[in-house]
Amino acid sequence: MGCAGSTQSQGEGSVKKIRKPKPWKHTQPITKAELMKLREEFWDTAPHYGGRKEIWDALRAAAEADISLAQAIVDSAGVIVQNNDLTVCYDERGAKYELPKYVLSEPTNLVEDN
């Protein structure tokens, strides 16, 4: 059998490998345009709920990047990843950042724009 997958990560053991959220469904079928609008609204208002703008900016960049780049972005910004799908993160001061799944991935019931 061996012990593949139990390798230690370099540095502190608290670094979580990030991944896209598990497949999810929006409350009703949603178009790409509606999804983009939801995302814009979230990123426009999120910094007003607390936390630091540069962390929000890093989280947005990570959410919109592919996974390997997203990992580098959160690592370099000093983001502490609580949930490895990025839905819950903290900064080094302990401020909490919650990201809805719709900014991280597309729902399974995404429909074509008419």
N, C-alpha and C. Protein backbone atom coordinates (compact mmCIF):
# COMPACT_ATOMS: atom_id res chain seq x y z
N MET A 1 0.83 -1.20 0.00
CA MET A 1 0.00 0.00 0.00
C MET A 1 0.86 1.25 0.00
N GLY A 2 1.79 1.37 0.94
CA GLY A 2 2.60 2.58 1.01
C GLY A 2 1.82 3.71 1.66
N CYS A 3 2.47 4.88 1.75
CA CYS A 3 1.80 6.00 2.42
C CYS A 3 1.77 7.21 1.50
N ALA A 4 1.39 6.99 0.26
CA ALA A 4 1.27 8.11 -0.67
C ALA A 4 0.22 9.09 -0.17
N GLY A 5 0.49 10.35 -0.32
CA GLY A 5 -0.48 11.35 0.10
C GLY A 5 -0.25 11.82 1.52
N SER A 6 0.65 11.16 2.25
CA SER A 6 0.89 11.62 3.63
C SER A 6 2.20 12.39 3.73
N THR A 7 2.65 12.92 2.60
CA THR A 7 3.90 13.67 2.62
C THR A 7 3.71 15.00 3.34
N GLN A 8 4.72 15.42 4.05
CA GLN A 8 4.66 16.69 4.78
C GLN A 8 4.90 17.84 3.81
N SER A 9 4.16 18.93 3.99
CA SER A 9 4.40 20.11 3.15
C SER A 9 5.54 20.90 3.76
N GLN A 10 6.24 21.64 2.95
CA GLN A 10 7.33 22.47 3.45
C GLN A 10 6.77 23.60 4.29
N GLY A 11 7.57 24.16 5.15
CA GLY A 11 7.13 25.29 5.96
C GLY A 11 6.20 24.83 7.05
N GLU A 12 5.39 25.75 7.55
CA GLU A 12 4.47 25.37 8.62
C GLU A 12 3.40 24.43 8.08
N GLY A 13 2.95 23.52 8.90
CA GLY A 13 2.02 22.49 8.45
C GLY A 13 0.61 22.99 8.21
N SER A 14 0.36 24.29 8.42
CA SER A 14 -1.01 24.80 8.32
C SER A 14 -1.37 25.26 6.91
N VAL A 15 -0.44 25.16 5.97
CA VAL A 15 -0.73 25.61 4.60
C VAL A 15 -1.70 24.63 3.94
N LYS A 16 -2.84 25.13 3.53
CA LYS A 16 -3.83 24.28 2.86
C LYS A 16 -3.70 24.47 1.36
N LYS A 17 -3.71 23.35 0.65
CA LYS A 17 -3.73 23.41 -0.81
C LYS A 17 -5.14 23.82 -1.22
N ILE A 18 -5.24 24.90 -1.98
CA ILE A 18 -6.57 25.34 -2.35
C ILE A 18 -7.10 24.59 -3.57
N ARG A 19 -8.41 24.55 -3.67
CA ARG A 19 -9.09 23.86 -4.77
C ARG A 19 -10.39 24.60 -5.06
N LYS A 20 -10.95 24.33 -6.21
CA LYS A 20 -12.26 24.92 -6.55
C LYS A 20 -13.32 24.29 -5.64
N PRO A 21 -14.41 25.03 -5.36
CA PRO A 21 -15.48 24.44 -4.55
C PRO A 21 -16.07 23.21 -5.24
N LYS A 22 -16.67 22.33 -4.44
CA LYS A 22 -17.37 21.17 -5.00
C LYS A 22 -18.51 21.70 -5.88
N PRO A 23 -18.96 20.86 -6.85
CA PRO A 23 -20.07 21.31 -7.70
C PRO A 23 -21.25 21.78 -6.84
N TRP A 24 -21.86 22.85 -7.27
CA TRP A 24 -22.97 23.44 -6.50
C TRP A 24 -24.00 23.97 -7.47
N LYS A 25 -25.19 24.19 -6.93
CA LYS A 25 -26.32 24.64 -7.74
C LYS A 25 -26.82 25.97 -7.21
N HIS A 26 -27.07 26.92 -8.10
CA HIS A 26 -27.65 28.19 -7.70
C HIS A 26 -29.13 27.95 -7.39
N THR A 27 -29.76 28.87 -6.64
CA THR A 27 -31.16 28.69 -6.24
C THR A 27 -32.08 28.51 -7.44
N GLN A 28 -31.77 29.18 -8.55
CA GLN A 28 -32.48 28.92 -9.80
C GLN A 28 -31.47 29.01 -10.94
N PRO A 29 -31.79 28.43 -12.11
CA PRO A 29 -30.84 28.52 -13.22
C PRO A 29 -30.43 29.97 -13.45
N ILE A 30 -29.16 30.18 -13.75
CA ILE A 30 -28.60 31.52 -13.86
C ILE A 30 -27.75 31.61 -15.11
N THR A 31 -27.79 32.75 -15.77
CA THR A 31 -26.97 32.92 -16.98
C THR A 31 -25.59 33.43 -16.58
N LYS A 32 -24.66 33.32 -17.51
CA LYS A 32 -23.30 33.81 -17.27
C LYS A 32 -23.34 35.31 -16.95
N ALA A 33 -24.17 36.06 -17.66
CA ALA A 33 -24.27 37.51 -17.42
C ALA A 33 -24.76 37.80 -16.00
N GLU A 34 -25.76 37.03 -15.54
CA GLU A 34 -26.27 37.22 -14.18
C GLU A 34 -25.22 36.85 -13.14
N LEU A 35 -24.49 35.78 -13.43
CA LEU A 35 -23.42 35.34 -12.53
C LEU A 35 -22.34 36.43 -12.43
N MET A 36 -21.95 37.02 -13.57
CA MET A 36 -20.94 38.07 -13.57
C MET A 36 -21.42 39.29 -12.78
N LYS A 37 -22.71 39.61 -12.90
CA LYS A 37 -23.28 40.74 -12.17
C LYS A 37 -23.25 40.49 -10.66
N LEU A 38 -23.61 39.27 -10.25
CA LEU A 38 -23.53 38.89 -8.83
C LEU A 38 -22.11 39.05 -8.31
N ARG A 39 -21.14 38.58 -9.11
CA ARG A 39 -19.74 38.66 -8.71
C ARG A 39 -19.29 40.10 -8.55
N GLU A 40 -19.64 40.95 -9.54
CA GLU A 40 -19.28 42.37 -9.47
C GLU A 40 -19.83 43.01 -8.21
N GLU A 41 -21.12 42.73 -7.94
CA GLU A 41 -21.76 43.31 -6.76
C GLU A 41 -21.06 42.85 -5.48
N PHE A 42 -20.70 41.57 -5.43
CA PHE A 42 -20.02 41.07 -4.23
C PHE A 42 -18.67 41.79 -4.03
N TRP A 43 -17.85 41.83 -5.09
CA TRP A 43 -16.51 42.43 -4.96
C TRP A 43 -16.60 43.93 -4.68
N ASP A 44 -17.64 44.58 -5.19
CA ASP A 44 -17.81 46.02 -4.92
C ASP A 44 -18.17 46.29 -3.47
N THR A 45 -18.96 45.40 -2.86
CA THR A 45 -19.44 45.66 -1.50
C THR A 45 -18.63 44.97 -0.42
N ALA A 46 -17.96 43.87 -0.74
CA ALA A 46 -17.26 43.07 0.28
C ALA A 46 -16.32 43.88 1.17
N PRO A 47 -15.47 44.77 0.62
CA PRO A 47 -14.54 45.50 1.50
C PRO A 47 -15.23 46.36 2.55
N HIS A 48 -16.50 46.71 2.33
CA HIS A 48 -17.22 47.55 3.29
C HIS A 48 -17.63 46.77 4.53
N TYR A 49 -17.52 45.44 4.48
CA TYR A 49 -17.90 44.62 5.63
C TYR A 49 -16.72 44.38 6.56
N GLY A 50 -15.60 45.02 6.31
CA GLY A 50 -14.44 44.83 7.17
C GLY A 50 -13.32 44.13 6.43
N GLY A 51 -12.20 44.01 7.12
CA GLY A 51 -11.04 43.41 6.48
C GLY A 51 -10.27 44.47 5.71
N ARG A 52 -9.14 44.06 5.15
CA ARG A 52 -8.26 45.00 4.47
C ARG A 52 -8.46 44.92 2.96
N LYS A 53 -8.45 46.09 2.32
CA LYS A 53 -8.68 46.14 0.87
C LYS A 53 -7.67 45.28 0.10
N GLU A 54 -6.40 45.31 0.53
CA GLU A 54 -5.41 44.53 -0.22
C GLU A 54 -5.66 43.03 -0.12
N ILE A 55 -6.25 42.58 1.00
CA ILE A 55 -6.59 41.16 1.12
C ILE A 55 -7.78 40.84 0.22
N TRP A 56 -8.79 41.71 0.22
CA TRP A 56 -9.93 41.52 -0.70
C TRP A 56 -9.44 41.48 -2.15
N ASP A 57 -8.51 42.39 -2.49
CA ASP A 57 -7.98 42.42 -3.87
C ASP A 57 -7.26 41.11 -4.20
N ALA A 58 -6.48 40.61 -3.23
CA ALA A 58 -5.77 39.34 -3.44
C ALA A 58 -6.75 38.18 -3.59
N LEU A 59 -7.80 38.19 -2.75
CA LEU A 59 -8.79 37.11 -2.84
C LEU A 59 -9.54 37.16 -4.18
N ARG A 60 -9.83 38.37 -4.65
CA ARG A 60 -10.50 38.48 -5.95
C ARG A 60 -9.57 37.95 -7.06
N ALA A 61 -8.31 38.35 -7.02
CA ALA A 61 -7.36 37.88 -8.03
C ALA A 61 -7.25 36.36 -7.98
N ALA A 62 -7.21 35.80 -6.76
CA ALA A 62 -7.12 34.35 -6.60
C ALA A 62 -8.38 33.66 -7.12
N ALA A 63 -9.54 34.24 -6.82
CA ALA A 63 -10.81 33.65 -7.25
C ALA A 63 -10.93 33.62 -8.77
N GLU A 64 -10.31 34.60 -9.43
CA GLU A 64 -10.42 34.71 -10.88
C GLU A 64 -9.26 34.05 -11.62
N ALA A 65 -8.30 33.50 -10.87
CA ALA A 65 -7.12 32.86 -11.48
C ALA A 65 -7.29 31.34 -11.49
N ASP A 66 -6.38 30.65 -12.21
CA ASP A 66 -6.41 29.20 -12.09
C ASP A 66 -5.78 28.81 -10.75
N ILE A 67 -5.99 27.56 -10.35
CA ILE A 67 -5.65 27.13 -8.99
C ILE A 67 -4.18 27.33 -8.62
N SER A 68 -3.24 26.99 -9.51
CA SER A 68 -1.83 27.12 -9.14
C SER A 68 -1.45 28.58 -8.91
N LEU A 69 -1.97 29.46 -9.74
CA LEU A 69 -1.72 30.90 -9.56
C LEU A 69 -2.44 31.40 -8.32
N ALA A 70 -3.66 30.93 -8.09
CA ALA A 70 -4.43 31.34 -6.91
C ALA A 70 -3.66 30.99 -5.64
N GLN A 71 -3.04 29.81 -5.62
CA GLN A 71 -2.26 29.38 -4.45
C GLN A 71 -1.12 30.37 -4.20
N ALA A 72 -0.42 30.76 -5.26
CA ALA A 72 0.69 31.71 -5.12
C ALA A 72 0.20 33.07 -4.64
N ILE A 73 -0.96 33.49 -5.13
CA ILE A 73 -1.51 34.80 -4.73
C ILE A 73 -1.84 34.81 -3.24
N VAL A 74 -2.57 33.80 -2.76
CA VAL A 74 -2.95 33.80 -1.34
C VAL A 74 -1.72 33.63 -0.45
N ASP A 75 -0.75 32.81 -0.89
CA ASP A 75 0.47 32.62 -0.10
C ASP A 75 1.23 33.93 0.03
N SER A 76 1.40 34.64 -1.08
CA SER A 76 2.19 35.88 -1.04
C SER A 76 1.47 37.01 -0.32
N ALA A 77 0.12 36.97 -0.28
CA ALA A 77 -0.64 38.01 0.42
C ALA A 77 -0.75 37.73 1.92
N GLY A 78 -0.28 36.55 2.34
CA GLY A 78 -0.36 36.20 3.75
C GLY A 78 -1.77 35.82 4.19
N VAL A 79 -2.57 35.32 3.24
CA VAL A 79 -3.93 34.90 3.56
C VAL A 79 -3.88 33.53 4.23
N ILE A 80 -4.61 33.39 5.34
CA ILE A 80 -4.71 32.11 6.03
C ILE A 80 -6.00 31.46 5.55
N VAL A 81 -5.84 30.35 4.84
CA VAL A 81 -6.98 29.66 4.24
C VAL A 81 -7.59 28.70 5.26
N GLN A 82 -8.83 28.96 5.66
CA GLN A 82 -9.53 28.09 6.62
C GLN A 82 -10.16 26.91 5.88
N ASN A 83 -10.95 27.20 4.86
CA ASN A 83 -11.56 26.17 4.01
C ASN A 83 -10.77 26.15 2.71
N ASN A 84 -10.31 24.97 2.29
CA ASN A 84 -9.42 24.96 1.13
C ASN A 84 -10.10 25.30 -0.19
N ASP A 85 -11.42 25.55 -0.18
CA ASP A 85 -12.06 26.06 -1.41
C ASP A 85 -12.15 27.59 -1.38
N LEU A 86 -11.47 28.23 -0.40
CA LEU A 86 -11.39 29.69 -0.24
C LEU A 86 -12.68 30.34 0.27
N THR A 87 -13.68 29.54 0.68
CA THR A 87 -14.92 30.16 1.15
C THR A 87 -14.73 30.87 2.49
N VAL A 88 -13.76 30.43 3.29
CA VAL A 88 -13.46 31.12 4.55
C VAL A 88 -11.95 31.28 4.68
N CYS A 89 -11.52 32.54 4.82
CA CYS A 89 -10.09 32.86 4.96
C CYS A 89 -9.93 33.90 6.07
N TYR A 90 -8.71 34.06 6.52
CA TYR A 90 -8.38 35.09 7.51
C TYR A 90 -7.12 35.80 7.06
N ASP A 91 -6.91 37.02 7.54
CA ASP A 91 -5.60 37.65 7.35
C ASP A 91 -4.80 37.45 8.64
N GLU A 92 -3.54 37.90 8.63
CA GLU A 92 -2.69 37.65 9.80
C GLU A 92 -3.15 38.38 11.05
N ARG A 93 -4.05 39.35 10.89
CA ARG A 93 -4.59 40.06 12.05
C ARG A 93 -5.85 39.38 12.59
N GLY A 94 -6.27 38.31 11.93
CA GLY A 94 -7.44 37.58 12.41
C GLY A 94 -8.76 38.02 11.82
N ALA A 95 -8.75 38.97 10.87
CA ALA A 95 -10.00 39.39 10.22
C ALA A 95 -10.48 38.25 9.32
N LYS A 96 -11.80 38.02 9.34
CA LYS A 96 -12.39 36.93 8.57
C LYS A 96 -12.90 37.42 7.22
N TYR A 97 -12.67 36.61 6.20
CA TYR A 97 -13.12 36.92 4.83
C TYR A 97 -13.93 35.72 4.35
N GLU A 98 -15.19 35.95 4.05
CA GLU A 98 -16.03 34.85 3.55
C GLU A 98 -16.38 35.10 2.09
N LEU A 99 -16.12 34.10 1.27
CA LEU A 99 -16.40 34.22 -0.16
C LEU A 99 -17.53 33.27 -0.53
N PRO A 100 -18.55 33.78 -1.22
CA PRO A 100 -19.61 32.89 -1.70
C PRO A 100 -19.08 32.02 -2.85
N LYS A 101 -19.64 30.83 -2.98
CA LYS A 101 -19.20 29.92 -4.05
C LYS A 101 -19.31 30.57 -5.42
N TYR A 102 -20.31 31.46 -5.61
CA TYR A 102 -20.51 32.01 -6.96
C TYR A 102 -19.37 32.90 -7.43
N VAL A 103 -18.49 33.36 -6.54
CA VAL A 103 -17.33 34.11 -7.04
C VAL A 103 -16.15 33.17 -7.32
N LEU A 104 -16.26 31.91 -6.89
CA LEU A 104 -15.15 30.96 -6.99
C LEU A 104 -15.31 29.96 -8.13
N SER A 105 -16.55 29.63 -8.46
CA SER A 105 -16.77 28.67 -9.55
C SER A 105 -18.18 28.88 -10.11
N GLU A 106 -18.44 28.22 -11.22
CA GLU A 106 -19.75 28.35 -11.85
C GLU A 106 -20.68 27.26 -11.32
N PRO A 107 -21.98 27.57 -11.19
CA PRO A 107 -22.92 26.56 -10.71
C PRO A 107 -23.18 25.51 -11.79
N THR A 108 -23.71 24.36 -11.36
CA THR A 108 -24.01 23.30 -12.32
C THR A 108 -25.23 23.66 -13.17
N ASN A 109 -26.04 24.61 -12.69
CA ASN A 109 -27.23 25.00 -13.46
C ASN A 109 -27.05 26.35 -14.17
N LEU A 110 -25.82 26.61 -14.63
CA LEU A 110 -25.56 27.79 -15.44
C LEU A 110 -26.22 27.57 -16.80
N VAL A 111 -26.95 28.57 -17.29
CA VAL A 111 -27.63 28.41 -18.59
C VAL A 111 -27.04 29.40 -19.59
N GLU A 112 -27.22 29.10 -20.85
CA GLU A 112 -26.73 29.98 -21.91
C GLU A 112 -27.48 31.31 -21.89
N ASP A 113 -26.77 32.40 -22.15
CA ASP A 113 -27.43 33.69 -22.27
C ASP A 113 -28.31 33.65 -23.52
N ASN A 114 -29.49 34.23 -23.41
CA ASN A 114 -30.39 34.23 -24.58
C ASN A 114 -30.00 35.32 -25.56
